[in-house]
Amino acid sequence: ASMRTHAKLMTSCNERLLKRSNTIRNKRIENSVRDHYNRNKKQATEKAAKAFMEKDYRRVIELYHPYKSDLKATDLKKYRRAIDTFKKNAQTS
């Protein structure tokens, strides 16, 4: 085979390898970001549950707010209740 044929084979192989490498790297980045988000959400929901028990509704709202679209039903209920209670307390103050 000619040198051109070998060059084409090497180039196409390198392109496929580079694409695959980039795909793997991007998947690892996505997984890392997702893991970081989930760890932070877990910590926030644990702290928010404690704050809810202590009736620190401002703190509950602060902790749940970044994750409000991704909360479990029980946490969402606490979040909404904290907002309602906080508003009522603000009106009576």
N, C-alpha and C. Protein backbone atom coordinates (compact mmCIF):
# COMPACT_ATOMS: atom_id res chain seq x y z
N ALA A 1 0.85 -1.19 0.00
CA ALA A 1 0.00 0.00 0.00
C ALA A 1 0.88 1.23 0.00
N SER A 2 0.30 2.26 -0.56
CA SER A 2 1.08 3.49 -0.69
C SER A 2 1.14 4.24 0.64
N MET A 3 2.01 5.20 0.67
CA MET A 3 2.18 6.03 1.87
C MET A 3 0.90 6.80 2.16
N ARG A 4 0.20 7.24 1.10
CA ARG A 4 -1.07 7.97 1.28
C ARG A 4 -2.11 7.10 1.97
N THR A 5 -2.19 5.86 1.58
CA THR A 5 -3.15 4.93 2.19
C THR A 5 -2.85 4.78 3.68
N HIS A 6 -1.57 4.58 4.00
CA HIS A 6 -1.18 4.47 5.40
C HIS A 6 -1.49 5.76 6.17
N ALA A 7 -1.21 6.88 5.54
CA ALA A 7 -1.46 8.18 6.19
C ALA A 7 -2.96 8.35 6.46
N LYS A 8 -3.80 7.96 5.48
CA LYS A 8 -5.25 8.07 5.67
C LYS A 8 -5.73 7.17 6.80
N LEU A 9 -5.19 5.95 6.84
CA LEU A 9 -5.57 5.02 7.91
C LEU A 9 -5.17 5.57 9.28
N MET A 10 -3.97 6.09 9.37
CA MET A 10 -3.48 6.63 10.64
C MET A 10 -4.30 7.85 11.06
N THR A 11 -4.63 8.71 10.11
CA THR A 11 -5.39 9.92 10.41
C THR A 11 -6.80 9.56 10.86
N SER A 12 -7.47 8.67 10.14
CA SER A 12 -8.83 8.31 10.52
C SER A 12 -8.86 7.60 11.86
N CYS A 13 -7.87 6.80 12.12
CA CYS A 13 -7.77 6.11 13.41
C CYS A 13 -7.58 7.14 14.52
N ASN A 14 -6.71 8.10 14.31
CA ASN A 14 -6.46 9.13 15.30
C ASN A 14 -7.69 9.99 15.54
N GLU A 15 -8.46 10.29 14.48
CA GLU A 15 -9.67 11.08 14.63
C GLU A 15 -10.70 10.32 15.45
N ARG A 16 -10.86 9.03 15.17
CA ARG A 16 -11.81 8.22 15.94
C ARG A 16 -11.38 8.13 17.39
N LEU A 17 -10.10 7.94 17.60
CA LEU A 17 -9.57 7.85 18.96
C LEU A 17 -9.77 9.18 19.70
N LEU A 18 -9.53 10.28 19.04
CA LEU A 18 -9.71 11.60 19.64
C LEU A 18 -11.18 11.83 19.99
N LYS A 19 -12.09 11.49 19.06
CA LYS A 19 -13.52 11.65 19.33
C LYS A 19 -13.94 10.81 20.53
N ARG A 20 -13.48 9.58 20.57
CA ARG A 20 -13.81 8.67 21.68
C ARG A 20 -13.26 9.21 23.00
N SER A 21 -12.04 9.69 22.95
CA SER A 21 -11.41 10.26 24.14
C SER A 21 -12.20 11.47 24.65
N ASN A 22 -12.62 12.32 23.74
CA ASN A 22 -13.42 13.50 24.11
C ASN A 22 -14.77 13.09 24.69
N THR A 23 -15.37 12.08 24.11
CA THR A 23 -16.66 11.59 24.62
C THR A 23 -16.51 11.08 26.04
N ILE A 24 -15.48 10.29 26.28
CA ILE A 24 -15.23 9.76 27.63
C ILE A 24 -14.97 10.90 28.61
N ARG A 25 -14.16 11.85 28.22
CA ARG A 25 -13.86 13.00 29.09
C ARG A 25 -15.13 13.78 29.42
N ASN A 26 -15.97 14.02 28.41
CA ASN A 26 -17.21 14.76 28.63
C ASN A 26 -18.16 14.01 29.56
N LYS A 27 -18.23 12.70 29.41
CA LYS A 27 -19.08 11.89 30.30
C LYS A 27 -18.57 11.97 31.74
N ARG A 28 -17.27 11.93 31.91
CA ARG A 28 -16.70 12.03 33.26
C ARG A 28 -17.00 13.39 33.87
N ILE A 29 -16.91 14.44 33.09
CA ILE A 29 -17.23 15.78 33.58
C ILE A 29 -18.70 15.85 33.97
N GLU A 30 -19.58 15.35 33.12
CA GLU A 30 -21.02 15.34 33.43
C GLU A 30 -21.29 14.58 34.72
N ASN A 31 -20.69 13.42 34.86
CA ASN A 31 -20.89 12.62 36.08
C ASN A 31 -20.37 13.34 37.31
N SER A 32 -19.24 14.00 37.17
CA SER A 32 -18.67 14.74 38.29
C SER A 32 -19.58 15.89 38.71
N VAL A 33 -20.09 16.62 37.74
CA VAL A 33 -21.00 17.74 38.03
C VAL A 33 -22.27 17.22 38.69
N ARG A 34 -22.82 16.13 38.16
CA ARG A 34 -24.04 15.54 38.72
C ARG A 34 -23.80 15.06 40.16
N ASP A 35 -22.67 14.41 40.39
CA ASP A 35 -22.35 13.94 41.74
C ASP A 35 -22.21 15.11 42.72
N HIS A 36 -21.56 16.16 42.28
CA HIS A 36 -21.38 17.35 43.11
C HIS A 36 -22.74 17.97 43.47
N TYR A 37 -23.60 18.10 42.47
CA TYR A 37 -24.94 18.64 42.68
C TYR A 37 -25.71 17.77 43.68
N ASN A 38 -25.68 16.46 43.49
CA ASN A 38 -26.42 15.55 44.37
C ASN A 38 -25.88 15.58 45.80
N ARG A 39 -24.58 15.67 45.96
CA ARG A 39 -24.00 15.77 47.31
C ARG A 39 -24.45 17.06 47.99
N ASN A 40 -24.39 18.16 47.25
CA ASN A 40 -24.81 19.45 47.82
C ASN A 40 -26.30 19.45 48.16
N LYS A 41 -27.10 18.86 47.28
CA LYS A 41 -28.55 18.79 47.53
C LYS A 41 -28.83 17.96 48.78
N LYS A 42 -28.14 16.85 48.92
CA LYS A 42 -28.34 15.98 50.09
C LYS A 42 -27.99 16.73 51.37
N GLN A 43 -26.87 17.43 51.37
CA GLN A 43 -26.47 18.20 52.54
C GLN A 43 -27.49 19.29 52.84
N ALA A 44 -27.95 19.97 51.80
CA ALA A 44 -28.92 21.05 51.98
C ALA A 44 -30.24 20.53 52.54
N THR A 45 -30.70 19.40 52.02
CA THR A 45 -31.98 18.87 52.51
C THR A 45 -31.86 18.38 53.96
N GLU A 46 -30.71 17.83 54.32
CA GLU A 46 -30.51 17.40 55.72
C GLU A 46 -30.51 18.62 56.65
N LYS A 47 -29.80 19.66 56.25
CA LYS A 47 -29.75 20.88 57.07
C LYS A 47 -31.12 21.56 57.11
N ALA A 48 -31.84 21.53 56.00
CA ALA A 48 -33.17 22.15 55.94
C ALA A 48 -34.15 21.41 56.85
N ALA A 49 -34.06 20.09 56.90
CA ALA A 49 -34.93 19.31 57.78
C ALA A 49 -34.70 19.69 59.24
N LYS A 50 -33.43 19.87 59.59
CA LYS A 50 -33.10 20.28 60.96
C LYS A 50 -33.61 21.69 61.23
N ALA A 51 -33.40 22.59 60.28
CA ALA A 51 -33.88 23.97 60.44
C ALA A 51 -35.40 24.00 60.54
N PHE A 52 -36.08 23.14 59.81
CA PHE A 52 -37.54 23.08 59.86
C PHE A 52 -37.99 22.66 61.26
N MET A 53 -37.33 21.68 61.83
CA MET A 53 -37.67 21.23 63.18
C MET A 53 -37.43 22.35 64.21
N GLU A 54 -36.45 23.19 63.92
CA GLU A 54 -36.13 24.30 64.82
C GLU A 54 -36.95 25.55 64.50
N LYS A 55 -37.83 25.42 63.52
CA LYS A 55 -38.71 26.52 63.08
C LYS A 55 -37.94 27.73 62.57
N ASP A 56 -36.78 27.46 61.98
CA ASP A 56 -35.97 28.51 61.35
C ASP A 56 -36.34 28.53 59.87
N TYR A 57 -37.50 29.13 59.58
CA TYR A 57 -38.07 29.05 58.24
C TYR A 57 -37.26 29.82 57.19
N ARG A 58 -36.64 30.88 57.60
CA ARG A 58 -35.77 31.61 56.67
C ARG A 58 -34.65 30.70 56.17
N ARG A 59 -34.05 29.97 57.09
CA ARG A 59 -32.96 29.05 56.73
C ARG A 59 -33.47 27.91 55.85
N VAL A 60 -34.65 27.40 56.16
CA VAL A 60 -35.25 26.34 55.35
C VAL A 60 -35.39 26.82 53.90
N ILE A 61 -35.91 28.01 53.74
CA ILE A 61 -36.10 28.58 52.40
C ILE A 61 -34.76 28.75 51.69
N GLU A 62 -33.78 29.28 52.40
CA GLU A 62 -32.45 29.49 51.80
C GLU A 62 -31.84 28.17 51.32
N LEU A 63 -32.00 27.13 52.11
CA LEU A 63 -31.39 25.84 51.79
C LEU A 63 -32.12 25.11 50.66
N TYR A 64 -33.44 25.16 50.68
CA TYR A 64 -34.21 24.45 49.66
C TYR A 64 -34.27 25.19 48.32
N HIS A 65 -34.23 26.50 48.38
CA HIS A 65 -34.47 27.30 47.17
C HIS A 65 -33.66 26.88 45.93
N PRO A 66 -32.35 26.66 46.04
CA PRO A 66 -31.59 26.28 44.82
C PRO A 66 -32.03 24.95 44.21
N TYR A 67 -32.72 24.13 44.99
CA TYR A 67 -33.10 22.80 44.53
C TYR A 67 -34.61 22.65 44.40
N LYS A 68 -35.33 23.76 44.44
CA LYS A 68 -36.80 23.69 44.52
C LYS A 68 -37.44 22.91 43.38
N SER A 69 -36.87 22.92 42.21
CA SER A 69 -37.45 22.19 41.08
C SER A 69 -37.08 20.70 41.10
N ASP A 70 -36.24 20.32 42.07
CA ASP A 70 -35.75 18.95 42.12
C ASP A 70 -35.96 18.30 43.49
N LEU A 71 -36.89 18.83 44.27
CA LEU A 71 -37.12 18.31 45.62
C LEU A 71 -38.10 17.15 45.60
N LYS A 72 -37.92 16.25 46.55
CA LYS A 72 -38.90 15.18 46.76
C LYS A 72 -40.17 15.82 47.32
N ALA A 73 -41.28 15.10 47.21
CA ALA A 73 -42.57 15.64 47.63
C ALA A 73 -42.56 16.12 49.08
N THR A 74 -41.95 15.35 49.98
CA THR A 74 -41.93 15.74 51.39
C THR A 74 -41.11 17.01 51.62
N ASP A 75 -39.99 17.11 50.92
CA ASP A 75 -39.15 18.31 51.05
C ASP A 75 -39.84 19.52 50.42
N LEU A 76 -40.52 19.31 49.32
CA LEU A 76 -41.25 20.40 48.67
C LEU A 76 -42.37 20.91 49.58
N LYS A 77 -43.01 20.00 50.27
CA LYS A 77 -44.07 20.38 51.21
C LYS A 77 -43.49 21.23 52.34
N LYS A 78 -42.35 20.85 52.89
CA LYS A 78 -41.68 21.63 53.94
C LYS A 78 -41.29 23.01 53.41
N TYR A 79 -40.77 23.03 52.18
CA TYR A 79 -40.34 24.30 51.56
C TYR A 79 -41.53 25.25 51.44
N ARG A 80 -42.64 24.75 50.91
CA ARG A 80 -43.84 25.59 50.74
C ARG A 80 -44.40 26.03 52.10
N ARG A 81 -44.39 25.13 53.04
CA ARG A 81 -44.89 25.47 54.37
C ARG A 81 -44.00 26.53 55.02
N ALA A 82 -42.70 26.40 54.84
CA ALA A 82 -41.76 27.39 55.38
C ALA A 82 -42.03 28.77 54.77
N ILE A 83 -42.27 28.80 53.46
CA ILE A 83 -42.56 30.08 52.80
C ILE A 83 -43.85 30.69 53.35
N ASP A 84 -44.89 29.88 53.45
CA ASP A 84 -46.17 30.37 53.96
C ASP A 84 -46.04 30.89 55.39
N THR A 85 -45.35 30.12 56.23
CA THR A 85 -45.18 30.52 57.63
C THR A 85 -44.33 31.76 57.74
N PHE A 86 -43.28 31.83 56.92
CA PHE A 86 -42.40 33.00 56.94
C PHE A 86 -43.17 34.25 56.53
N LYS A 87 -44.00 34.13 55.50
CA LYS A 87 -44.81 35.27 55.05
C LYS A 87 -45.79 35.71 56.13
N LYS A 88 -46.45 34.75 56.76
CA LYS A 88 -47.41 35.08 57.82
C LYS A 88 -46.72 35.79 58.98
N ASN A 89 -45.54 35.28 59.37
CA ASN A 89 -44.80 35.90 60.45
C ASN A 89 -44.33 37.29 60.09
N ALA A 90 -43.98 37.51 58.84
CA ALA A 90 -43.53 38.83 58.39
C ALA A 90 -44.69 39.83 58.41
N GLN A 91 -45.88 39.37 58.11
CA GLN A 91 -47.06 40.26 58.10
C GLN A 91 -47.49 40.66 59.49
N THR A 92 -47.27 39.77 60.45
CA THR A 92 -47.70 40.07 61.82
C THR A 92 -46.64 40.85 62.59
N SER A 93 -45.44 40.95 62.03
CA SER A 93 -44.36 41.68 62.71
C SER A 93 -44.45 43.16 62.48
